[in-house]
Amino acid sequence: SIQIVMKQKINLKQRLLVKQDISGFDLKKIVLFVRRILIYTFVIEGIA
């Protein structure tokens, strides 16, 4: 997520690691999935 904010490229190795960490299904959409994780997390935490 930090690399996404800094607009750095996410390579295949990182995608595999993140997929394992968050139990993601689609390797191609991992970066988009991480973005949505941040949005959902901060919105829910903010309202609470």
ModelCIF file with pLDDT and N, C-alpha, C, O atoms, coordinates in Angstrom:
data_MODEL
#
_entry.id   MODEL 
#
_entity.id                         1 
_entity.type                       polymer 
_entity.pdbx_number_of_molecules   1 
#
_entity_poly.entity_id                      1 
_entity_poly.type                           'polypeptide(L)' 
_entity_poly.nstd_linkage                   no 
_entity_poly.nstd_monomer                   no 
_entity_poly.pdbx_seq_one_letter_code       SIQIVMKQKINLKQRLLVKQDISGFDLKKIVLFVRRILIYTFVIEGIA 
_entity_poly.pdbx_seq_one_letter_code_can   SIQIVMKQKINLKQRLLVKQDISGFDLKKIVLFVRRILIYTFVIEGIA 
_entity_poly.pdbx_strand_id                 A 
#
loop_
_entity_poly_seq.entity_id 
_entity_poly_seq.num 
_entity_poly_seq.mon_id 
_entity_poly_seq.hetero 
1 1  SER n 
1 2  ILE n 
1 3  GLN n 
1 4  ILE n 
1 5  VAL n 
1 6  MET n 
1 7  LYS n 
1 8  GLN n 
1 9  LYS n 
1 10 ILE n 
1 11 ASN n 
1 12 LEU n 
1 13 LYS n 
1 14 GLN n 
1 15 ARG n 
1 16 LEU n 
1 17 LEU n 
1 18 VAL n 
1 19 LYS n 
1 20 GLN n 
1 21 ASP n 
1 22 ILE n 
1 23 SER n 
1 24 GLY n 
1 25 PHE n 
1 26 ASP n 
1 27 LEU n 
1 28 LYS n 
1 29 LYS n 
1 30 ILE n 
1 31 VAL n 
1 32 LEU n 
1 33 PHE n 
1 34 VAL n 
1 35 ARG n 
1 36 ARG n 
1 37 ILE n 
1 38 LEU n 
1 39 ILE n 
1 40 TYR n 
1 41 THR n 
1 42 PHE n 
1 43 VAL n 
1 44 ILE n 
1 45 GLU n 
1 46 GLY n 
1 47 ILE n 
1 48 ALA n 
#
_struct_asym.id          A 
_struct_asym.entity_id   1 
#
loop_
_ma_qa_metric.id 
_ma_qa_metric.mode 
_ma_qa_metric.name 
_ma_qa_metric.software_group_id 
_ma_qa_metric.type 
1 global pLDDT . pLDDT 
2 local  pLDDT . pLDDT 
#
_ma_qa_metric_global.metric_id      1 
_ma_qa_metric_global.metric_value   64.54 
_ma_qa_metric_global.model_id       1 
_ma_qa_metric_global.ordinal_id     1 
#
loop_
_ma_qa_metric_local.label_asym_id 
_ma_qa_metric_local.label_comp_id 
_ma_qa_metric_local.label_seq_id 
_ma_qa_metric_local.metric_id 
_ma_qa_metric_local.metric_value 
_ma_qa_metric_local.model_id 
_ma_qa_metric_local.ordinal_id 
A SER 1  2 55.00 1 1  
A ILE 2  2 55.00 1 2  
A GLN 3  2 54.00 1 3  
A ILE 4  2 54.00 1 4  
A VAL 5  2 51.00 1 5  
A MET 6  2 52.00 1 6  
A LYS 7  2 54.00 1 7  
A GLN 8  2 51.00 1 8  
A LYS 9  2 56.00 1 9  
A ILE 10 2 52.00 1 10 
A ASN 11 2 51.00 1 11 
A LEU 12 2 50.00 1 12 
A LYS 13 2 52.00 1 13 
A GLN 14 2 52.00 1 14 
A ARG 15 2 52.00 1 15 
A LEU 16 2 53.00 1 16 
A LEU 17 2 52.00 1 17 
A VAL 18 2 53.00 1 18 
A LYS 19 2 52.00 1 19 
A GLN 20 2 51.00 1 20 
A ASP 21 2 48.00 1 21 
A ILE 22 2 51.00 1 22 
A SER 23 2 53.00 1 23 
A GLY 24 2 53.00 1 24 
A PHE 25 2 52.00 1 25 
A ASP 26 2 54.00 1 26 
A LEU 27 2 51.00 1 27 
A LYS 28 2 56.00 1 28 
A LYS 29 2 62.00 1 29 
A ILE 30 2 64.00 1 30 
A VAL 31 2 66.00 1 31 
A LEU 32 2 69.00 1 32 
A PHE 33 2 71.00 1 33 
A VAL 34 2 73.00 1 34 
A ARG 35 2 76.00 1 35 
A ARG 36 2 79.00 1 36 
A ILE 37 2 80.00 1 37 
A LEU 38 2 82.00 1 38 
A ILE 39 2 84.00 1 39 
A TYR 40 2 86.00 1 40 
A THR 41 2 87.00 1 41 
A PHE 42 2 88.00 1 42 
A VAL 43 2 91.00 1 43 
A ILE 44 2 92.00 1 44 
A GLU 45 2 93.00 1 45 
A GLY 46 2 95.00 1 46 
A ILE 47 2 95.00 1 47 
A ALA 48 2 95.00 1 48 
#
loop_
_atom_site.group_PDB 
_atom_site.id 
_atom_site.type_symbol 
_atom_site.label_atom_id 
_atom_site.label_alt_id 
_atom_site.label_comp_id 
_atom_site.label_asym_id 
_atom_site.label_entity_id 
_atom_site.label_seq_id 
_atom_site.pdbx_PDB_ins_code 
_atom_site.Cartn_x 
_atom_site.Cartn_y 
_atom_site.Cartn_z 
_atom_site.occupancy 
_atom_site.B_iso_or_equiv 
_atom_site.pdbx_formal_charge 
_atom_site.auth_seq_id 
_atom_site.auth_comp_id 
_atom_site.auth_asym_id 
_atom_site.auth_atom_id 
_atom_site.pdbx_PDB_model_num 
ATOM 1   N N  . SER A 1 1  ? 0.829   -1.210  0.000   1.00 55.00 ? 1  SER A N  1 
ATOM 2   C CA . SER A 1 1  ? 0.000   0.000   0.000   1.00 55.00 ? 1  SER A CA 1 
ATOM 3   C C  . SER A 1 1  ? 0.860   1.256   0.000   1.00 55.00 ? 1  SER A C  1 
ATOM 4   O O  . SER A 1 1  ? 0.497   2.256   -0.619  1.00 55.00 ? 1  SER A O  1 
ATOM 5   N N  . ILE A 1 2  ? 2.000   1.210   0.692   1.00 55.00 ? 2  ILE A N  1 
ATOM 6   C CA . ILE A 1 2  ? 2.910   2.354   0.692   1.00 55.00 ? 2  ILE A CA 1 
ATOM 7   C C  . ILE A 1 2  ? 3.501   2.560   -0.698  1.00 55.00 ? 2  ILE A C  1 
ATOM 8   O O  . ILE A 1 2  ? 3.628   3.690   -1.169  1.00 55.00 ? 2  ILE A O  1 
ATOM 9   N N  . GLN A 1 3  ? 3.856   1.465   -1.342  1.00 54.00 ? 3  GLN A N  1 
ATOM 10  C CA . GLN A 1 3  ? 4.394   1.553   -2.691  1.00 54.00 ? 3  GLN A CA 1 
ATOM 11  C C  . GLN A 1 3  ? 3.349   2.064   -3.683  1.00 54.00 ? 3  GLN A C  1 
ATOM 12  O O  . GLN A 1 3  ? 3.679   2.776   -4.632  1.00 54.00 ? 3  GLN A O  1 
ATOM 13  N N  . ILE A 1 4  ? 2.096   1.696   -3.457  1.00 54.00 ? 4  ILE A N  1 
ATOM 14  C CA . ILE A 1 4  ? 1.018   2.190   -4.310  1.00 54.00 ? 4  ILE A CA 1 
ATOM 15  C C  . ILE A 1 4  ? 0.880   3.698   -4.162  1.00 54.00 ? 4  ILE A C  1 
ATOM 16  O O  . ILE A 1 4  ? 0.745   4.416   -5.152  1.00 54.00 ? 4  ILE A O  1 
ATOM 17  N N  . VAL A 1 5  ? 0.913   4.180   -2.907  1.00 51.00 ? 5  VAL A N  1 
ATOM 18  C CA . VAL A 1 5  ? 0.819   5.617   -2.651  1.00 51.00 ? 5  VAL A CA 1 
ATOM 19  C C  . VAL A 1 5  ? 1.983   6.357   -3.307  1.00 51.00 ? 5  VAL A C  1 
ATOM 20  O O  . VAL A 1 5  ? 1.808   7.455   -3.834  1.00 51.00 ? 5  VAL A O  1 
ATOM 21  N N  . MET A 1 6  ? 3.175   5.749   -3.273  1.00 52.00 ? 6  MET A N  1 
ATOM 22  C CA . MET A 1 6  ? 4.367   6.361   -3.861  1.00 52.00 ? 6  MET A CA 1 
ATOM 23  C C  . MET A 1 6  ? 4.489   6.066   -5.350  1.00 52.00 ? 6  MET A C  1 
ATOM 24  O O  . MET A 1 6  ? 5.481   6.418   -5.988  1.00 52.00 ? 6  MET A O  1 
ATOM 25  N N  . LYS A 1 7  ? 3.440   5.397   -5.906  1.00 54.00 ? 7  LYS A N  1 
ATOM 26  C CA . LYS A 1 7  ? 3.364   5.098   -7.332  1.00 54.00 ? 7  LYS A CA 1 
ATOM 27  C C  . LYS A 1 7  ? 4.554   4.285   -7.824  1.00 54.00 ? 7  LYS A C  1 
ATOM 28  O O  . LYS A 1 7  ? 5.102   4.552   -8.893  1.00 54.00 ? 7  LYS A O  1 
ATOM 29  N N  . GLN A 1 8  ? 4.948   3.291   -7.030  1.00 51.00 ? 8  GLN A N  1 
ATOM 30  C CA . GLN A 1 8  ? 6.024   2.396   -7.431  1.00 51.00 ? 8  GLN A CA 1 
ATOM 31  C C  . GLN A 1 8  ? 5.437   1.112   -8.013  1.00 51.00 ? 8  GLN A C  1 
ATOM 32  O O  . GLN A 1 8  ? 4.335   0.709   -7.641  1.00 51.00 ? 8  GLN A O  1 
ATOM 33  N N  . LYS A 1 9  ? 6.164   0.472   -8.920  1.00 56.00 ? 9  LYS A N  1 
ATOM 34  C CA . LYS A 1 9  ? 5.693   -0.718  -9.589  1.00 56.00 ? 9  LYS A CA 1 
ATOM 35  C C  . LYS A 1 9  ? 5.718   -1.918  -8.646  1.00 56.00 ? 9  LYS A C  1 
ATOM 36  O O  . LYS A 1 9  ? 6.670   -2.092  -7.886  1.00 56.00 ? 9  LYS A O  1 
ATOM 37  N N  . ILE A 1 10 ? 4.680   -2.740  -8.694  1.00 52.00 ? 10 ILE A N  1 
ATOM 38  C CA . ILE A 1 10 ? 4.592   -3.942  -7.862  1.00 52.00 ? 10 ILE A CA 1 
ATOM 39  C C  . ILE A 1 10 ? 4.911   -5.141  -8.742  1.00 52.00 ? 10 ILE A C  1 
ATOM 40  O O  . ILE A 1 10 ? 4.147   -5.460  -9.653  1.00 52.00 ? 10 ILE A O  1 
ATOM 41  N N  . ASN A 1 11 ? 6.034   -5.810  -8.479  1.00 51.00 ? 11 ASN A N  1 
ATOM 42  C CA . ASN A 1 11 ? 6.444   -6.928  -9.330  1.00 51.00 ? 11 ASN A CA 1 
ATOM 43  C C  . ASN A 1 11 ? 5.707   -8.218  -8.971  1.00 51.00 ? 11 ASN A C  1 
ATOM 44  O O  . ASN A 1 11 ? 4.918   -8.265  -8.028  1.00 51.00 ? 11 ASN A O  1 
ATOM 45  N N  . LEU A 1 12 ? 5.990   -9.268  -9.755  1.00 50.00 ? 12 LEU A N  1 
ATOM 46  C CA . LEU A 1 12 ? 5.281   -10.532 -9.598  1.00 50.00 ? 12 LEU A CA 1 
ATOM 47  C C  . LEU A 1 12 ? 5.534   -11.180 -8.246  1.00 50.00 ? 12 LEU A C  1 
ATOM 48  O O  . LEU A 1 12 ? 4.620   -11.740 -7.639  1.00 50.00 ? 12 LEU A O  1 
ATOM 49  N N  . LYS A 1 13 ? 6.795   -11.104 -7.765  1.00 52.00 ? 13 LYS A N  1 
ATOM 50  C CA . LYS A 1 13 ? 7.131   -11.682 -6.464  1.00 52.00 ? 13 LYS A CA 1 
ATOM 51  C C  . LYS A 1 13 ? 6.275   -11.078 -5.360  1.00 52.00 ? 13 LYS A C  1 
ATOM 52  O O  . LYS A 1 13 ? 5.738   -11.792 -4.514  1.00 52.00 ? 13 LYS A O  1 
ATOM 53  N N  . GLN A 1 14 ? 6.153   -9.748  -5.378  1.00 52.00 ? 14 GLN A N  1 
ATOM 54  C CA . GLN A 1 14 ? 5.364   -9.072  -4.355  1.00 52.00 ? 14 GLN A CA 1 
ATOM 55  C C  . GLN A 1 14 ? 3.896   -9.465  -4.446  1.00 52.00 ? 14 GLN A C  1 
ATOM 56  O O  . GLN A 1 14 ? 3.231   -9.653  -3.428  1.00 52.00 ? 14 GLN A O  1 
ATOM 57  N N  . ARG A 1 15 ? 3.395   -9.589  -5.675  1.00 52.00 ? 15 ARG A N  1 
ATOM 58  C CA . ARG A 1 15 ? 1.996   -9.967  -5.852  1.00 52.00 ? 15 ARG A CA 1 
ATOM 59  C C  . ARG A 1 15 ? 1.722   -11.358 -5.254  1.00 52.00 ? 15 ARG A C  1 
ATOM 60  O O  . ARG A 1 15 ? 0.684   -11.590 -4.634  1.00 52.00 ? 15 ARG A O  1 
ATOM 61  N N  . LEU A 1 16 ? 2.674   -12.265 -5.455  1.00 53.00 ? 16 LEU A N  1 
ATOM 62  C CA . LEU A 1 16 ? 2.534   -13.605 -4.898  1.00 53.00 ? 16 LEU A CA 1 
ATOM 63  C C  . LEU A 1 16 ? 2.528   -13.577 -3.372  1.00 53.00 ? 16 LEU A C  1 
ATOM 64  O O  . LEU A 1 16 ? 1.752   -14.283 -2.727  1.00 53.00 ? 16 LEU A O  1 
ATOM 65  N N  . LEU A 1 17 ? 3.414   -12.740 -2.803  1.00 52.00 ? 17 LEU A N  1 
ATOM 66  C CA . LEU A 1 17 ? 3.500   -12.635 -1.349  1.00 52.00 ? 17 LEU A CA 1 
ATOM 67  C C  . LEU A 1 17 ? 2.231   -12.038 -0.759  1.00 52.00 ? 17 LEU A C  1 
ATOM 68  O O  . LEU A 1 17 ? 1.698   -12.534 0.234   1.00 52.00 ? 17 LEU A O  1 
ATOM 69  N N  . VAL A 1 18 ? 1.755   -10.965 -1.383  1.00 53.00 ? 18 VAL A N  1 
ATOM 70  C CA . VAL A 1 18 ? 0.547   -10.308 -0.889  1.00 53.00 ? 18 VAL A CA 1 
ATOM 71  C C  . VAL A 1 18 ? -0.650  -11.241 -1.025  1.00 53.00 ? 18 VAL A C  1 
ATOM 72  O O  . VAL A 1 18 ? -1.501  -11.292 -0.137  1.00 53.00 ? 18 VAL A O  1 
ATOM 73  N N  . LYS A 1 19 ? -0.721  -11.983 -2.136  1.00 52.00 ? 19 LYS A N  1 
ATOM 74  C CA . LYS A 1 19 ? -1.815  -12.934 -2.338  1.00 52.00 ? 19 LYS A CA 1 
ATOM 75  C C  . LYS A 1 19 ? -1.856  -13.958 -1.212  1.00 52.00 ? 19 LYS A C  1 
ATOM 76  O O  . LYS A 1 19 ? -2.934  -14.313 -0.735  1.00 52.00 ? 19 LYS A O  1 
ATOM 77  N N  . GLN A 1 20 ? -0.698  -14.431 -0.788  1.00 51.00 ? 20 GLN A N  1 
ATOM 78  C CA . GLN A 1 20 ? -0.619  -15.400 0.303   1.00 51.00 ? 20 GLN A CA 1 
ATOM 79  C C  . GLN A 1 20 ? -1.008  -14.766 1.635   1.00 51.00 ? 20 GLN A C  1 
ATOM 80  O O  . GLN A 1 20 ? -1.638  -15.403 2.479   1.00 51.00 ? 20 GLN A O  1 
ATOM 81  N N  . ASP A 1 21 ? -0.620  -13.496 1.811   1.00 48.00 ? 21 ASP A N  1 
ATOM 82  C CA . ASP A 1 21 ? -0.847  -12.803 3.080   1.00 48.00 ? 21 ASP A CA 1 
ATOM 83  C C  . ASP A 1 21 ? -2.319  -12.501 3.313   1.00 48.00 ? 21 ASP A C  1 
ATOM 84  O O  . ASP A 1 21 ? -2.804  -12.630 4.437   1.00 48.00 ? 21 ASP A O  1 
ATOM 85  N N  . ILE A 1 22 ? -3.035  -12.102 2.270   1.00 51.00 ? 22 ILE A N  1 
ATOM 86  C CA . ILE A 1 22 ? -4.421  -11.674 2.437   1.00 51.00 ? 22 ILE A CA 1 
ATOM 87  C C  . ILE A 1 22 ? -5.421  -12.665 1.855   1.00 51.00 ? 22 ILE A C  1 
ATOM 88  O O  . ILE A 1 22 ? -6.609  -12.364 1.748   1.00 51.00 ? 22 ILE A O  1 
ATOM 89  N N  . SER A 1 23 ? -4.937  -13.846 1.479   1.00 53.00 ? 23 SER A N  1 
ATOM 90  C CA . SER A 1 23 ? -5.815  -14.890 0.928   1.00 53.00 ? 23 SER A CA 1 
ATOM 91  C C  . SER A 1 23 ? -6.573  -14.402 -0.302  1.00 53.00 ? 23 SER A C  1 
ATOM 92  O O  . SER A 1 23 ? -7.765  -14.671 -0.452  1.00 53.00 ? 23 SER A O  1 
ATOM 93  N N  . GLY A 1 24 ? -5.875  -13.683 -1.180  1.00 53.00 ? 24 GLY A N  1 
ATOM 94  C CA . GLY A 1 24 ? -6.500  -13.184 -2.402  1.00 53.00 ? 24 GLY A CA 1 
ATOM 95  C C  . GLY A 1 24 ? -6.679  -14.300 -3.418  1.00 53.00 ? 24 GLY A C  1 
ATOM 96  O O  . GLY A 1 24 ? -5.916  -15.266 -3.431  1.00 53.00 ? 24 GLY A O  1 
ATOM 97  N N  . PHE A 1 25 ? -7.690  -14.165 -4.271  1.00 52.00 ? 25 PHE A N  1 
ATOM 98  C CA . PHE A 1 25 ? -7.985  -15.202 -5.256  1.00 52.00 ? 25 PHE A CA 1 
ATOM 99  C C  . PHE A 1 25 ? -7.313  -14.917 -6.602  1.00 52.00 ? 25 PHE A C  1 
ATOM 100 O O  . PHE A 1 25 ? -6.720  -15.818 -7.194  1.00 52.00 ? 25 PHE A O  1 
ATOM 101 N N  . ASP A 1 26 ? -7.396  -13.680 -7.091  1.00 54.00 ? 26 ASP A N  1 
ATOM 102 C CA . ASP A 1 26 ? -6.947  -13.327 -8.430  1.00 54.00 ? 26 ASP A CA 1 
ATOM 103 C C  . ASP A 1 26 ? -5.641  -12.560 -8.365  1.00 54.00 ? 26 ASP A C  1 
ATOM 104 O O  . ASP A 1 26 ? -5.597  -11.436 -7.865  1.00 54.00 ? 26 ASP A O  1 
ATOM 105 N N  . LEU A 1 27 ? -4.561  -13.176 -8.879  1.00 51.00 ? 27 LEU A N  1 
ATOM 106 C CA . LEU A 1 27 ? -3.235  -12.556 -8.828  1.00 51.00 ? 27 LEU A CA 1 
ATOM 107 C C  . LEU A 1 27 ? -3.193  -11.269 -9.638  1.00 51.00 ? 27 LEU A C  1 
ATOM 108 O O  . LEU A 1 27 ? -2.502  -10.323 -9.260  1.00 51.00 ? 27 LEU A O  1 
ATOM 109 N N  . LYS A 1 28 ? -3.931  -11.221 -10.757 1.00 56.00 ? 28 LYS A N  1 
ATOM 110 C CA . LYS A 1 28 ? -3.892  -10.049 -11.627 1.00 56.00 ? 28 LYS A CA 1 
ATOM 111 C C  . LYS A 1 28 ? -4.500  -8.814  -10.968 1.00 56.00 ? 28 LYS A C  1 
ATOM 112 O O  . LYS A 1 28 ? -4.130  -7.683  -11.284 1.00 56.00 ? 28 LYS A O  1 
ATOM 113 N N  . LYS A 1 29 ? -5.443  -9.046  -10.042 1.00 62.00 ? 29 LYS A N  1 
ATOM 114 C CA . LYS A 1 29 ? -6.149  -7.919  -9.421  1.00 62.00 ? 29 LYS A CA 1 
ATOM 115 C C  . LYS A 1 29 ? -5.672  -7.619  -7.999  1.00 62.00 ? 29 LYS A C  1 
ATOM 116 O O  . LYS A 1 29 ? -6.356  -6.926  -7.246  1.00 62.00 ? 29 LYS A O  1 
ATOM 117 N N  . ILE A 1 30 ? -4.495  -8.142  -7.634  1.00 64.00 ? 30 ILE A N  1 
ATOM 118 C CA . ILE A 1 30 ? -4.009  -7.969  -6.270  1.00 64.00 ? 30 ILE A CA 1 
ATOM 119 C C  . ILE A 1 30 ? -3.824  -6.503  -5.911  1.00 64.00 ? 30 ILE A C  1 
ATOM 120 O O  . ILE A 1 30 ? -4.220  -6.081  -4.825  1.00 64.00 ? 30 ILE A O  1 
ATOM 121 N N  . VAL A 1 31 ? -3.221  -5.710  -6.816  1.00 66.00 ? 31 VAL A N  1 
ATOM 122 C CA . VAL A 1 31 ? -2.977  -4.294  -6.533  1.00 66.00 ? 31 VAL A CA 1 
ATOM 123 C C  . VAL A 1 31 ? -4.295  -3.555  -6.329  1.00 66.00 ? 31 VAL A C  1 
ATOM 124 O O  . VAL A 1 31 ? -4.434  -2.764  -5.396  1.00 66.00 ? 31 VAL A O  1 
ATOM 125 N N  . LEU A 1 32 ? -5.264  -3.819  -7.211  1.00 69.00 ? 32 LEU A N  1 
ATOM 126 C CA . LEU A 1 32 ? -6.586  -3.202  -7.059  1.00 69.00 ? 32 LEU A CA 1 
ATOM 127 C C  . LEU A 1 32 ? -7.235  -3.663  -5.765  1.00 69.00 ? 32 LEU A C  1 
ATOM 128 O O  . LEU A 1 32 ? -7.906  -2.882  -5.090  1.00 69.00 ? 32 LEU A O  1 
ATOM 129 N N  . PHE A 1 33 ? -7.039  -4.928  -5.415  1.00 71.00 ? 33 PHE A N  1 
ATOM 130 C CA . PHE A 1 33 ? -7.584  -5.496  -4.191  1.00 71.00 ? 33 PHE A CA 1 
ATOM 131 C C  . PHE A 1 33 ? -7.005  -4.787  -2.967  1.00 71.00 ? 33 PHE A C  1 
ATOM 132 O O  . PHE A 1 33 ? -7.739  -4.480  -2.027  1.00 71.00 ? 33 PHE A O  1 
ATOM 133 N N  . VAL A 1 34 ? -5.697  -4.525  -2.969  1.00 73.00 ? 34 VAL A N  1 
ATOM 134 C CA . VAL A 1 34 ? -5.050  -3.839  -1.848  1.00 73.00 ? 34 VAL A CA 1 
ATOM 135 C C  . VAL A 1 34 ? -5.597  -2.419  -1.704  1.00 73.00 ? 34 VAL A C  1 
ATOM 136 O O  . VAL A 1 34 ? -5.825  -1.948  -0.589  1.00 73.00 ? 34 VAL A O  1 
ATOM 137 N N  . ARG A 1 35 ? -5.805  -1.739  -2.833  1.00 76.00 ? 35 ARG A N  1 
ATOM 138 C CA . ARG A 1 35 ? -6.382  -0.389  -2.778  1.00 76.00 ? 35 ARG A CA 1 
ATOM 139 C C  . ARG A 1 35 ? -7.747  -0.410  -2.093  1.00 76.00 ? 35 ARG A C  1 
ATOM 140 O O  . ARG A 1 35 ? -8.058  0.441   -1.260  1.00 76.00 ? 35 ARG A O  1 
ATOM 141 N N  . ARG A 1 36 ? -8.537  -1.390  -2.461  1.00 79.00 ? 36 ARG A N  1 
ATOM 142 C CA . ARG A 1 36 ? -9.876  -1.476  -1.871  1.00 79.00 ? 36 ARG A CA 1 
ATOM 143 C C  . ARG A 1 36 ? -9.822  -1.869  -0.402  1.00 79.00 ? 36 ARG A C  1 
ATOM 144 O O  . ARG A 1 36 ? -10.655 -1.434  0.394   1.00 79.00 ? 36 ARG A O  1 
ATOM 145 N N  . ILE A 1 37 ? -8.854  -2.681  -0.049  1.00 80.00 ? 37 ILE A N  1 
ATOM 146 C CA . ILE A 1 37 ? -8.664  -3.025  1.358   1.00 80.00 ? 37 ILE A CA 1 
ATOM 147 C C  . ILE A 1 37 ? -8.452  -1.760  2.180   1.00 80.00 ? 37 ILE A C  1 
ATOM 148 O O  . ILE A 1 37 ? -9.056  -1.591  3.239   1.00 80.00 ? 37 ILE A O  1 
ATOM 149 N N  . LEU A 1 38 ? -7.594  -0.876  1.686   1.00 82.00 ? 38 LEU A N  1 
ATOM 150 C CA . LEU A 1 38 ? -7.308  0.368   2.405   1.00 82.00 ? 38 LEU A CA 1 
ATOM 151 C C  . LEU A 1 38 ? -8.559  1.228   2.518   1.00 82.00 ? 38 LEU A C  1 
ATOM 152 O O  . LEU A 1 38 ? -8.830  1.797   3.576   1.00 82.00 ? 38 LEU A O  1 
ATOM 153 N N  . ILE A 1 39 ? -9.321  1.325   1.435   1.00 84.00 ? 39 ILE A N  1 
ATOM 154 C CA . ILE A 1 39 ? -10.535 2.145   1.448   1.00 84.00 ? 39 ILE A CA 1 
ATOM 155 C C  . ILE A 1 39 ? -11.541 1.608   2.454   1.00 84.00 ? 39 ILE A C  1 
ATOM 156 O O  . ILE A 1 39 ? -12.052 2.357   3.286   1.00 84.00 ? 39 ILE A O  1 
ATOM 157 N N  . TYR A 1 40 ? -11.826 0.309   2.378   1.00 86.00 ? 40 TYR A N  1 
ATOM 158 C CA . TYR A 1 40 ? -12.789 -0.296  3.298   1.00 86.00 ? 40 TYR A CA 1 
ATOM 159 C C  . TYR A 1 40 ? -12.315 -0.169  4.744   1.00 86.00 ? 40 TYR A C  1 
ATOM 160 O O  . TYR A 1 40 ? -13.103 0.142   5.638   1.00 86.00 ? 40 TYR A O  1 
ATOM 161 N N  . THR A 1 41 ? -11.040 -0.409  4.965   1.00 87.00 ? 41 THR A N  1 
ATOM 162 C CA . THR A 1 41 ? -10.497 -0.344  6.324   1.00 87.00 ? 41 THR A CA 1 
ATOM 163 C C  . THR A 1 41 ? -10.661 1.032   6.934   1.00 87.00 ? 41 THR A C  1 
ATOM 164 O O  . THR A 1 41 ? -11.192 1.168   8.036   1.00 87.00 ? 41 THR A O  1 
ATOM 165 N N  . PHE A 1 42 ? -10.206 2.055   6.222   1.00 88.00 ? 42 PHE A N  1 
ATOM 166 C CA . PHE A 1 42 ? -10.235 3.403   6.778   1.00 88.00 ? 42 PHE A CA 1 
ATOM 167 C C  . PHE A 1 42 ? -11.643 3.981   6.872   1.00 88.00 ? 42 PHE A C  1 
ATOM 168 O O  . PHE A 1 42 ? -11.930 4.772   7.770   1.00 88.00 ? 42 PHE A O  1 
ATOM 169 N N  . VAL A 1 43 ? -12.519 3.593   5.951   1.00 91.00 ? 43 VAL A N  1 
ATOM 170 C CA . VAL A 1 43 ? -13.906 4.074   6.028   1.00 91.00 ? 43 VAL A CA 1 
ATOM 171 C C  . VAL A 1 43 ? -14.609 3.482   7.246   1.00 91.00 ? 43 VAL A C  1 
ATOM 172 O O  . VAL A 1 43 ? -15.242 4.209   8.012   1.00 91.00 ? 43 VAL A O  1 
ATOM 173 N N  . ILE A 1 44 ? -14.500 2.166   7.426   1.00 92.00 ? 44 ILE A N  1 
ATOM 174 C CA . ILE A 1 44 ? -15.151 1.504   8.564   1.00 92.00 ? 44 ILE A CA 1 
ATOM 175 C C  . ILE A 1 44 ? -14.560 1.990   9.878   1.00 92.00 ? 44 ILE A C  1 
ATOM 176 O O  . ILE A 1 44 ? -15.296 2.318   10.808  1.00 92.00 ? 44 ILE A O  1 
ATOM 177 N N  . GLU A 1 45 ? -13.226 2.038   9.959   1.00 93.00 ? 45 GLU A N  1 
ATOM 178 C CA . GLU A 1 45 ? -12.574 2.514   11.179  1.00 93.00 ? 45 GLU A CA 1 
ATOM 179 C C  . GLU A 1 45 ? -12.925 3.967   11.459  1.00 93.00 ? 45 GLU A C  1 
ATOM 180 O O  . GLU A 1 45 ? -13.121 4.347   12.613  1.00 93.00 ? 45 GLU A O  1 
ATOM 181 N N  . GLY A 1 46 ? -13.006 4.791   10.402  1.00 95.00 ? 46 GLY A N  1 
ATOM 182 C CA . GLY A 1 46 ? -13.331 6.209   10.583  1.00 95.00 ? 46 GLY A CA 1 
ATOM 183 C C  . GLY A 1 46 ? -14.725 6.414   11.139  1.00 95.00 ? 46 GLY A C  1 
ATOM 184 O O  . GLY A 1 46 ? -14.920 7.203   12.064  1.00 95.00 ? 46 GLY A O  1 
ATOM 185 N N  . ILE A 1 47 ? -15.704 5.701   10.575  1.00 95.00 ? 47 ILE A N  1 
ATOM 186 C CA . ILE A 1 47 ? -17.085 5.824   11.061  1.00 95.00 ? 47 ILE A CA 1 
ATOM 187 C C  . ILE A 1 47 ? -17.179 5.349   12.506  1.00 95.00 ? 47 ILE A C  1 
ATOM 188 O O  . ILE A 1 47 ? -17.813 6.000   13.336  1.00 95.00 ? 47 ILE A O  1 
ATOM 189 N N  . ALA A 1 48 ? -16.546 4.208   12.808  1.00 95.00 ? 48 ALA A N  1 
ATOM 190 C CA . ALA A 1 48 ? -16.572 3.675   14.175  1.00 95.00 ? 48 ALA A CA 1 
ATOM 191 C C  . ALA A 1 48 ? -15.893 4.636   15.145  1.00 95.00 ? 48 ALA A C  1 
ATOM 192 O O  . ALA A 1 48 ? -15.819 4.355   16.342  1.00 95.00 ? 48 ALA A O  1 
#
